Amino acid sequence: TATGLAVSTGGCLRLAEPDSGNESSAASETATDGVTTSQ
């Protein structure tokens, strides 16, 4: 943990609610600011 070898910070995007109906569609954007990446 101290050296960073075994612990890394998360990388997740909060996804918006689907626009309509009961069929959900995931966003297609690439990684953007605000996404914490693994080290």
PDB file of all heavy atoms in Angstrom:
ATOM      1  N   THR A   1       0.825  -1.196   0.000  1.00  0.00           N
ATOM      2  CA  THR A   1       0.000   0.000   0.000  1.00  0.00           C
ATOM      3  C   THR A   1       0.864   1.253   0.000  1.00  0.00           C
ATOM      4  O   THR A   1       0.627   2.207  -0.733  1.00  0.00           O
ATOM      5  CB  THR A   1      -0.930   0.004   1.225  1.00  0.00           C
ATOM      6  OG1 THR A   1      -1.739  -1.164   1.203  1.00  0.00           O
ATOM      7  CG2 THR A   1      -1.807   1.243   1.240  1.00  0.00           C
ATOM      8  N   ALA A   2       1.921   1.223   0.826  1.00  0.00           N
ATOM      9  CA  ALA A   2       2.790   2.395   0.937  1.00  0.00           C
ATOM     10  C   ALA A   2       3.551   2.660  -0.349  1.00  0.00           C
ATOM     11  O   ALA A   2       3.791   3.812  -0.716  1.00  0.00           O
ATOM     12  CB  ALA A   2       3.776   2.190   2.092  1.00  0.00           C
ATOM     13  N   THR A   3       3.943   1.592  -1.053  1.00  0.00           N
ATOM     14  CA  THR A   3       4.736   1.771  -2.271  1.00  0.00           C
ATOM     15  C   THR A   3       3.888   1.958  -3.512  1.00  0.00           C
ATOM     16  O   THR A   3       4.404   2.321  -4.567  1.00  0.00           O
ATOM     17  CB  THR A   3       5.640   0.546  -2.496  1.00  0.00           C
ATOM     18  OG1 THR A   3       4.817  -0.619  -2.613  1.00  0.00           O
ATOM     19  CG2 THR A   3       6.613   0.363  -1.356  1.00  0.00           C
ATOM     20  N   GLY A   4       2.580   1.674  -3.411  1.00  0.00           N
ATOM     21  CA  GLY A   4       1.716   1.833  -4.582  1.00  0.00           C
ATOM     22  C   GLY A   4       1.681   0.631  -5.476  1.00  0.00           C
ATOM     23  O   GLY A   4       1.042   0.653  -6.522  1.00  0.00           O
ATOM     24  N   LEU A   5       2.363  -0.442  -5.097  1.00  0.00           N
ATOM     25  CA  LEU A   5       2.380  -1.622  -5.955  1.00  0.00           C
ATOM     26  C   LEU A   5       1.049  -2.345  -5.969  1.00  0.00           C
ATOM     27  O   LEU A   5       0.648  -2.911  -6.974  1.00  0.00           O
ATOM     28  CB  LEU A   5       3.467  -2.604  -5.496  1.00  0.00           C
ATOM     29  CG  LEU A   5       4.883  -2.300  -5.953  1.00  0.00           C
ATOM     30  CD1 LEU A   5       5.854  -3.246  -5.272  1.00  0.00           C
ATOM     31  CD2 LEU A   5       5.004  -2.400  -7.469  1.00  0.00           C
ATOM     32  N   ALA A   6       0.349  -2.376  -4.838  1.00  0.00           N
ATOM     33  CA  ALA A   6      -0.846  -3.193  -4.756  1.00  0.00           C
ATOM     34  C   ALA A   6      -2.134  -2.387  -4.669  1.00  0.00           C
ATOM     35  O   ALA A   6      -3.191  -2.937  -4.740  1.00  0.00           O
ATOM     36  CB  ALA A   6      -0.775  -4.127  -3.552  1.00  0.00           C
ATOM     37  N   VAL A   7      -2.049  -1.089  -4.519  1.00  0.00           N
ATOM     38  CA  VAL A   7      -3.268  -0.302  -4.362  1.00  0.00           C
ATOM     39  C   VAL A   7      -3.291   0.774  -5.436  1.00  0.00           C
ATOM     40  O   VAL A   7      -2.301   1.439  -5.681  1.00  0.00           O
ATOM     41  CB  VAL A   7      -3.335   0.359  -2.966  1.00  0.00           C
ATOM     42  CG1 VAL A   7      -4.586   1.196  -2.826  1.00  0.00           C
ATOM     43  CG2 VAL A   7      -3.272  -0.697  -1.881  1.00  0.00           C
ATOM     44  N   SER A   8      -4.413   0.915  -6.099  1.00  0.00           N
ATOM     45  CA  SER A   8      -4.550   1.956  -7.110  1.00  0.00           C
ATOM     46  C   SER A   8      -5.909   2.611  -6.965  1.00  0.00           C
ATOM     47  O   SER A   8      -6.833   2.051  -6.407  1.00  0.00           O
ATOM     48  CB  SER A   8      -4.396   1.361  -8.514  1.00  0.00           C
ATOM     49  OG  SER A   8      -5.361   0.367  -8.723  1.00  0.00           O
ATOM     50  N   THR A   9      -6.024   3.806  -7.480  1.00  0.00           N
ATOM     51  CA  THR A   9      -7.288   4.514  -7.386  1.00  0.00           C
ATOM     52  C   THR A   9      -8.192   4.107  -8.523  1.00  0.00           C
ATOM     53  O   THR A   9      -7.760   3.632  -9.547  1.00  0.00           O
ATOM     54  CB  THR A   9      -7.040   6.030  -7.438  1.00  0.00           C
ATOM     55  OG1 THR A   9      -6.323   6.334  -8.619  1.00  0.00           O
ATOM     56  CG2 THR A   9      -6.241   6.474  -6.231  1.00  0.00           C
ATOM     57  N   GLY A  10      -9.495   4.313  -8.324  1.00  0.00           N
ATOM     58  CA  GLY A  10     -10.478   3.800  -9.272  1.00  0.00           C
ATOM     59  C   GLY A  10     -10.562   4.615 -10.533  1.00  0.00           C
ATOM     60  O   GLY A  10     -10.107   5.747 -10.622  1.00  0.00           O
ATOM     61  N   GLY A  11     -11.206   4.009 -11.548  1.00  0.00           N
ATOM     62  CA  GLY A  11     -11.479   4.695 -12.785  1.00  0.00           C
ATOM     63  C   GLY A  11     -12.887   4.402 -13.225  1.00  0.00           C
ATOM     64  O   GLY A  11     -13.133   3.408 -13.876  1.00  0.00           O
ATOM     65  N   CYS A  12     -13.859   5.210 -12.848  1.00  0.00           N
ATOM     66  CA  CYS A  12     -15.228   4.919 -13.244  1.00  0.00           C
ATOM     67  C   CYS A  12     -15.916   6.184 -13.698  1.00  0.00           C
ATOM     68  O   CYS A  12     -15.653   7.268 -13.207  1.00  0.00           O
ATOM     69  CB  CYS A  12     -16.012   4.261 -12.111  1.00  0.00           C
ATOM     70  SG  CYS A  12     -16.200   5.288 -10.647  1.00  0.00           S
ATOM     71  N   LEU A  13     -16.808   6.030 -14.669  1.00  0.00           N
ATOM     72  CA  LEU A  13     -17.633   7.118 -15.152  1.00  0.00           C
ATOM     73  C   LEU A  13     -19.037   6.942 -14.620  1.00  0.00           C
ATOM     74  O   LEU A  13     -19.586   5.836 -14.661  1.00  0.00           O
ATOM     75  CB  LEU A  13     -17.703   7.097 -16.692  1.00  0.00           C
ATOM     76  CG  LEU A  13     -16.466   7.553 -17.463  1.00  0.00           C
ATOM     77  CD1 LEU A  13     -16.679   7.272 -18.935  1.00  0.00           C
ATOM     78  CD2 LEU A  13     -16.225   9.029 -17.254  1.00  0.00           C
ATOM     79  N   ARG A  14     -19.643   7.988 -14.118  1.00  0.00           N
ATOM     80  CA  ARG A  14     -21.056   7.937 -13.792  1.00  0.00           C
ATOM     81  C   ARG A  14     -21.824   8.058 -15.097  1.00  0.00           C
ATOM     82  O   ARG A  14     -21.582   8.957 -15.890  1.00  0.00           O
ATOM     83  CB  ARG A  14     -21.436   9.077 -12.845  1.00  0.00           C
ATOM     84  CG  ARG A  14     -20.747   8.974 -11.501  1.00  0.00           C
ATOM     85  CD  ARG A  14     -21.287   7.802 -10.704  1.00  0.00           C
ATOM     86  NE  ARG A  14     -20.564   7.658  -9.455  1.00  0.00           N
ATOM     87  CZ  ARG A  14     -20.775   6.693  -8.601  1.00  0.00           C
ATOM     88  NH1 ARG A  14     -21.670   5.766  -8.875  1.00  0.00           N
ATOM     89  NH2 ARG A  14     -20.089   6.618  -7.482  1.00  0.00           N
ATOM     90  N   LEU A  15     -22.753   7.181 -15.318  1.00  0.00           N
ATOM     91  CA  LEU A  15     -23.496   7.183 -16.564  1.00  0.00           C
ATOM     92  C   LEU A  15     -24.867   7.831 -16.364  1.00  0.00           C
ATOM     93  O   LEU A  15     -25.508   7.664 -15.331  1.00  0.00           O
ATOM     94  CB  LEU A  15     -23.675   5.752 -17.079  1.00  0.00           C
ATOM     95  CG  LEU A  15     -22.363   5.039 -17.413  1.00  0.00           C
ATOM     96  CD1 LEU A  15     -22.673   3.657 -17.956  1.00  0.00           C
ATOM     97  CD2 LEU A  15     -21.543   5.823 -18.406  1.00  0.00           C
ATOM     98  N   ALA A  16     -25.311   8.517 -17.390  1.00  0.00           N
ATOM     99  CA  ALA A  16     -26.595   9.200 -17.321  1.00  0.00           C
ATOM    100  C   ALA A  16     -27.732   8.206 -17.461  1.00  0.00           C
ATOM    101  O   ALA A  16     -27.565   7.106 -17.965  1.00  0.00           O
ATOM    102  CB  ALA A  16     -26.681  10.250 -18.437  1.00  0.00           C
ATOM    103  N   GLU A  17     -28.913   8.614 -17.016  1.00  0.00           N
ATOM    104  CA  GLU A  17     -30.092   7.787 -17.206  1.00  0.00           C
ATOM    105  C   GLU A  17     -30.390   7.690 -18.704  1.00  0.00           C
ATOM    106  O   GLU A  17     -30.099   8.595 -19.478  1.00  0.00           O
ATOM    107  CB  GLU A  17     -31.307   8.419 -16.499  1.00  0.00           C
ATOM    108  CG  GLU A  17     -31.172   8.441 -14.995  1.00  0.00           C
ATOM    109  CD  GLU A  17     -31.220   7.039 -14.417  1.00  0.00           C
ATOM    110  OE1 GLU A  17     -31.886   6.174 -15.002  1.00  0.00           O
ATOM    111  OE2 GLU A  17     -30.574   6.824 -13.388  1.00  0.00           O
ATOM    112  N   PRO A  18     -31.011   6.572 -19.183  1.00  0.00           N
ATOM    113  CA  PRO A  18     -31.345   6.461 -20.593  1.00  0.00           C
ATOM    114  C   PRO A  18     -32.325   7.555 -21.005  1.00  0.00           C
ATOM    115  O   PRO A  18     -33.155   8.005 -20.211  1.00  0.00           O
ATOM    116  CB  PRO A  18     -31.973   5.066 -20.692  1.00  0.00           C
ATOM    117  CG  PRO A  18     -32.415   4.740 -19.297  1.00  0.00           C
ATOM    118  CD  PRO A  18     -31.427   5.416 -18.404  1.00  0.00           C
ATOM    119  N   ASP A  19     -32.247   7.955 -22.276  1.00  0.00           N
ATOM    120  CA  ASP A  19     -33.073   9.060 -22.748  1.00  0.00           C
ATOM    121  C   ASP A  19     -34.546   8.725 -22.741  1.00  0.00           C
ATOM    122  O   ASP A  19     -35.376   9.534 -22.365  1.00  0.00           O
ATOM    123  CB  ASP A  19     -32.633   9.460 -24.170  1.00  0.00           C
ATOM    124  CG  ASP A  19     -31.242  10.068 -24.147  1.00  0.00           C
ATOM    125  OD1 ASP A  19     -30.843  10.597 -23.097  1.00  0.00           O
ATOM    126  OD2 ASP A  19     -30.557   9.997 -25.182  1.00  0.00           O
ATOM    127  N   SER A  20     -34.917   7.534 -23.202  1.00  0.00           N
ATOM    128  CA  SER A  20     -36.329   7.197 -23.284  1.00  0.00           C
ATOM    129  C   SER A  20     -36.499   5.705 -23.335  1.00  0.00           C
ATOM    130  O   SER A  20     -35.584   4.971 -23.667  1.00  0.00           O
ATOM    131  CB  SER A  20     -36.963   7.828 -24.531  1.00  0.00           C
ATOM    132  OG  SER A  20     -36.346   7.320 -25.710  1.00  0.00           O
ATOM    133  N   GLY A  21     -37.725   5.242 -23.023  1.00  0.00           N
ATOM    134  CA  GLY A  21     -38.037   3.821 -23.120  1.00  0.00           C
ATOM    135  C   GLY A  21     -37.268   3.002 -22.113  1.00  0.00           C
ATOM    136  O   GLY A  21     -36.653   3.510 -21.198  1.00  0.00           O
ATOM    137  N   ASN A  22     -37.331   1.673 -22.325  1.00  0.00           N
ATOM    138  CA  ASN A  22     -36.644   0.777 -21.403  1.00  0.00           C
ATOM    139  C   ASN A  22     -35.428   0.150 -22.019  1.00  0.00           C
ATOM    140  O   ASN A  22     -34.878  -0.788 -21.497  1.00  0.00           O
ATOM    141  CB  ASN A  22     -37.603  -0.321 -20.902  1.00  0.00           C
ATOM    142  CG  ASN A  22     -38.111  -1.183 -22.047  1.00  0.00           C
ATOM    143  OD1 ASN A  22     -37.799  -0.924 -23.196  1.00  0.00           O
ATOM    144  ND2 ASN A  22     -38.906  -2.183 -21.702  1.00  0.00           N
ATOM    145  N   GLU A  23     -34.976   0.687 -23.154  1.00  0.00           N
ATOM    146  CA  GLU A  23     -33.764   0.174 -23.777  1.00  0.00           C
ATOM    147  C   GLU A  23     -32.651   1.170 -23.546  1.00  0.00           C
ATOM    148  O   GLU A  23     -32.724   2.318 -23.972  1.00  0.00           O
ATOM    149  CB  GLU A  23     -33.987  -0.044 -25.277  1.00  0.00           C
ATOM    150  CG  GLU A  23     -32.746  -0.614 -25.965  1.00  0.00           C
ATOM    151  CD  GLU A  23     -33.034  -1.089 -27.368  1.00  0.00           C
ATOM    152  OE1 GLU A  23     -34.190  -1.358 -27.685  1.00  0.00           O
ATOM    153  OE2 GLU A  23     -32.087  -1.179 -28.155  1.00  0.00           O
ATOM    154  N   SER A  24     -31.606   0.752 -22.834  1.00  0.00           N
ATOM    155  CA  SER A  24     -30.530   1.654 -22.429  1.00  0.00           C
ATOM    156  C   SER A  24     -29.405   1.598 -23.422  1.00  0.00           C
ATOM    157  O   SER A  24     -29.094   0.562 -23.967  1.00  0.00           O
ATOM    158  CB  SER A  24     -30.017   1.249 -21.040  1.00  0.00           C
ATOM    159  OG  SER A  24     -31.091   1.197 -20.140  1.00  0.00           O
ATOM    160  N   SER A  25     -28.741   2.722 -23.627  1.00  0.00           N
ATOM    161  CA  SER A  25     -27.626   2.766 -24.555  1.00  0.00           C
ATOM    162  C   SER A  25     -26.456   3.434 -23.884  1.00  0.00           C
ATOM    163  O   SER A  25     -26.577   4.535 -23.360  1.00  0.00           O
ATOM    164  CB  SER A  25     -28.008   3.543 -25.829  1.00  0.00           C
ATOM    165  OG  SER A  25     -26.921   3.621 -26.703  1.00  0.00           O
ATOM    166  N   ALA A  26     -25.309   2.776 -23.896  1.00  0.00           N
ATOM    167  CA  ALA A  26     -24.128   3.314 -23.226  1.00  0.00           C
ATOM    168  C   ALA A  26     -23.504   4.427 -24.037  1.00  0.00           C
ATOM    169  O   ALA A  26     -23.544   4.443 -25.252  1.00  0.00           O
ATOM    170  CB  ALA A  26     -23.105   2.206 -23.011  1.00  0.00           C
ATOM    171  N   ALA A  27     -22.890   5.373 -23.358  1.00  0.00           N
ATOM    172  CA  ALA A  27     -22.181   6.445 -24.040  1.00  0.00           C
ATOM    173  C   ALA A  27     -20.967   5.894 -24.751  1.00  0.00           C
ATOM    174  O   ALA A  27     -20.388   4.901 -24.355  1.00  0.00           O
ATOM    175  CB  ALA A  27     -21.770   7.514 -23.026  1.00  0.00           C
ATOM    176  N   SER A  28     -20.537   6.569 -25.831  1.00  0.00           N
ATOM    177  CA  SER A  28     -19.434   6.053 -26.635  1.00  0.00           C
ATOM    178  C   SER A  28     -18.195   6.918 -26.560  1.00  0.00           C
ATOM    179  O   SER A  28     -17.250   6.704 -27.299  1.00  0.00           O
ATOM    180  CB  SER A  28     -19.894   5.936 -28.105  1.00  0.00           C
ATOM    181  OG  SER A  28     -20.255   7.215 -28.597  1.00  0.00           O
ATOM    182  N   GLU A  29     -18.201   7.908 -25.668  1.00  0.00           N
ATOM    183  CA  GLU A  29     -17.069   8.816 -25.609  1.00  0.00           C
ATOM    184  C   GLU A  29     -15.834   8.120 -25.067  1.00  0.00           C
ATOM    185  O   GLU A  29     -15.923   7.118 -24.377  1.00  0.00           O
ATOM    186  CB  GLU A  29     -17.405  10.040 -24.743  1.00  0.00           C
ATOM    187  CG  GLU A  29     -17.476   9.747 -23.249  1.00  0.00           C
ATOM    188  CD  GLU A  29     -18.835   9.256 -22.825  1.00  0.00           C
ATOM    189  OE1 GLU A  29     -19.636   8.954 -23.725  1.00  0.00           O
ATOM    190  OE2 GLU A  29     -19.088   9.167 -21.618  1.00  0.00           O
ATOM    191  N   THR A  30     -14.685   8.663 -25.384  1.00  0.00           N
ATOM    192  CA  THR A  30     -13.442   8.155 -24.835  1.00  0.00           C
ATOM    193  C   THR A  30     -13.216   8.763 -23.472  1.00  0.00           C
ATOM    194  O   THR A  30     -13.988   9.589 -23.011  1.00  0.00           O
ATOM    195  CB  THR A  30     -12.267   8.515 -25.763  1.00  0.00           C
ATOM    196  OG1 THR A  30     -12.234   9.935 -25.916  1.00  0.00           O
ATOM    197  CG2 THR A  30     -12.430   7.867 -27.121  1.00  0.00           C
ATOM    198  N   ALA A  31     -12.141   8.322 -22.801  1.00  0.00           N
ATOM    199  CA  ALA A  31     -11.875   8.807 -21.448  1.00  0.00           C
ATOM    200  C   ALA A  31     -11.738  10.323 -21.444  1.00  0.00           C
ATOM    201  O   ALA A  31     -11.120  10.920 -22.323  1.00  0.00           O
ATOM    202  CB  ALA A  31     -10.616   8.158 -20.905  1.00  0.00           C
ATOM    203  N   THR A  32     -12.338  10.950 -20.428  1.00  0.00           N
ATOM    204  CA  THR A  32     -12.325  12.402 -20.357  1.00  0.00           C
ATOM    205  C   THR A  32     -11.826  12.825 -18.999  1.00  0.00           C
ATOM    206  O   THR A  32     -11.587  12.028 -18.114  1.00  0.00           O
ATOM    207  CB  THR A  32     -13.744  12.962 -20.573  1.00  0.00           C
ATOM    208  OG1 THR A  32     -14.607  12.412 -19.585  1.00  0.00           O
ATOM    209  CG2 THR A  32     -14.263  12.603 -21.958  1.00  0.00           C
ATOM    210  N   ASP A  33     -11.691  14.134 -18.821  1.00  0.00           N
ATOM    211  CA  ASP A  33     -11.291  14.665 -17.522  1.00  0.00           C
ATOM    212  C   ASP A  33     -12.282  14.223 -16.465  1.00  0.00           C
ATOM    213  O   ASP A  33     -13.477  14.130 -16.707  1.00  0.00           O
ATOM    214  CB  ASP A  33     -11.232  16.195 -17.574  1.00  0.00           C
ATOM    215  CG  ASP A  33     -10.101  16.687 -18.442  1.00  0.00           C
ATOM    216  OD1 ASP A  33      -9.181  15.890 -18.725  1.00  0.00           O
ATOM    217  OD2 ASP A  33     -10.156  17.858 -18.847  1.00  0.00           O
ATOM    218  N   GLY A  34     -11.792  13.976 -15.283  1.00  0.00           N
ATOM    219  CA  GLY A  34     -12.652  13.532 -14.205  1.00  0.00           C
ATOM    220  C   GLY A  34     -12.647  12.036 -14.024  1.00  0.00           C
ATOM    221  O   GLY A  34     -13.188  11.526 -13.065  1.00  0.00           O
ATOM    222  N   VAL A  35     -12.042  11.302 -14.961  1.00  0.00           N
ATOM    223  CA  VAL A  35     -11.935   9.863 -14.825  1.00  0.00           C
ATOM    224  C   VAL A  35     -10.591   9.545 -14.194  1.00  0.00           C
ATOM    225  O   VAL A  35      -9.547   9.862 -14.741  1.00  0.00           O
ATOM    226  CB  VAL A  35     -12.041   9.162 -16.198  1.00  0.00           C
ATOM    227  CG1 VAL A  35     -11.898   7.670 -16.011  1.00  0.00           C
ATOM    228  CG2 VAL A  35     -13.358   9.502 -16.860  1.00  0.00           C
ATOM    229  N   THR A  36     -10.605   8.951 -13.018  1.00  0.00           N
ATOM    230  CA  THR A  36      -9.367   8.598 -12.329  1.00  0.00           C
ATOM    231  C   THR A  36      -8.847   7.293 -12.878  1.00  0.00           C
ATOM    232  O   THR A  36      -9.555   6.306 -12.894  1.00  0.00           O
ATOM    233  CB  THR A  36      -9.620   8.450 -10.830  1.00  0.00           C
ATOM    234  OG1 THR A  36     -10.261   9.635 -10.366  1.00  0.00           O
ATOM    235  CG2 THR A  36      -8.319   8.245 -10.081  1.00  0.00           C
ATOM    236  N   THR A  37      -7.643   7.252 -13.346  1.00  0.00           N
ATOM    237  CA  THR A  37      -7.112   6.057 -13.976  1.00  0.00           C
ATOM    238  C   THR A  37      -6.216   5.294 -13.040  1.00  0.00           C
ATOM    239  O   THR A  37      -5.666   5.832 -12.090  1.00  0.00           O
ATOM    240  CB  THR A  37      -6.309   6.432 -15.244  1.00  0.00           C
ATOM    241  OG1 THR A  37      -5.271   7.320 -14.866  1.00  0.00           O
ATOM    242  CG2 THR A  37      -7.209   7.090 -16.268  1.00  0.00           C
ATOM    243  N   SER A  38      -6.090   3.998 -13.318  1.00  0.00           N
ATOM    244  CA  SER A  38      -5.289   3.124 -12.466  1.00  0.00           C
ATOM    245  C   SER A  38      -3.812   3.434 -12.617  1.00  0.00           C
ATOM    246  O   SER A  38      -3.331   3.769 -13.687  1.00  0.00           O
ATOM    247  CB  SER A  38      -5.552   1.670 -12.856  1.00  0.00           C
ATOM    248  OG  SER A  38      -4.706   0.815 -12.147  1.00  0.00           O
ATOM    249  N   GLN A  39      -3.067   3.303 -11.521  1.00  0.00           N
ATOM    250  CA  GLN A  39      -1.632   3.537 -11.527  1.00  0.00           C
ATOM    251  C   GLN A  39      -0.857   2.284 -11.159  1.00  0.00           C
ATOM    252  O   GLN A  39       0.228   2.352 -10.606  1.00  0.00           O
ATOM    253  CB  GLN A  39      -1.292   4.655 -10.530  1.00  0.00           C
ATOM    254  CG  GLN A  39      -2.008   5.962 -10.838  1.00  0.00           C
ATOM    255  CD  GLN A  39      -1.592   6.536 -12.165  1.00  0.00           C
ATOM    256  OE1 GLN A  39      -0.420   6.463 -12.514  1.00  0.00           O
ATOM    257  NE2 GLN A  39      -2.529   7.073 -12.909  1.00  0.00           N
TER     258      GLN A  39
END
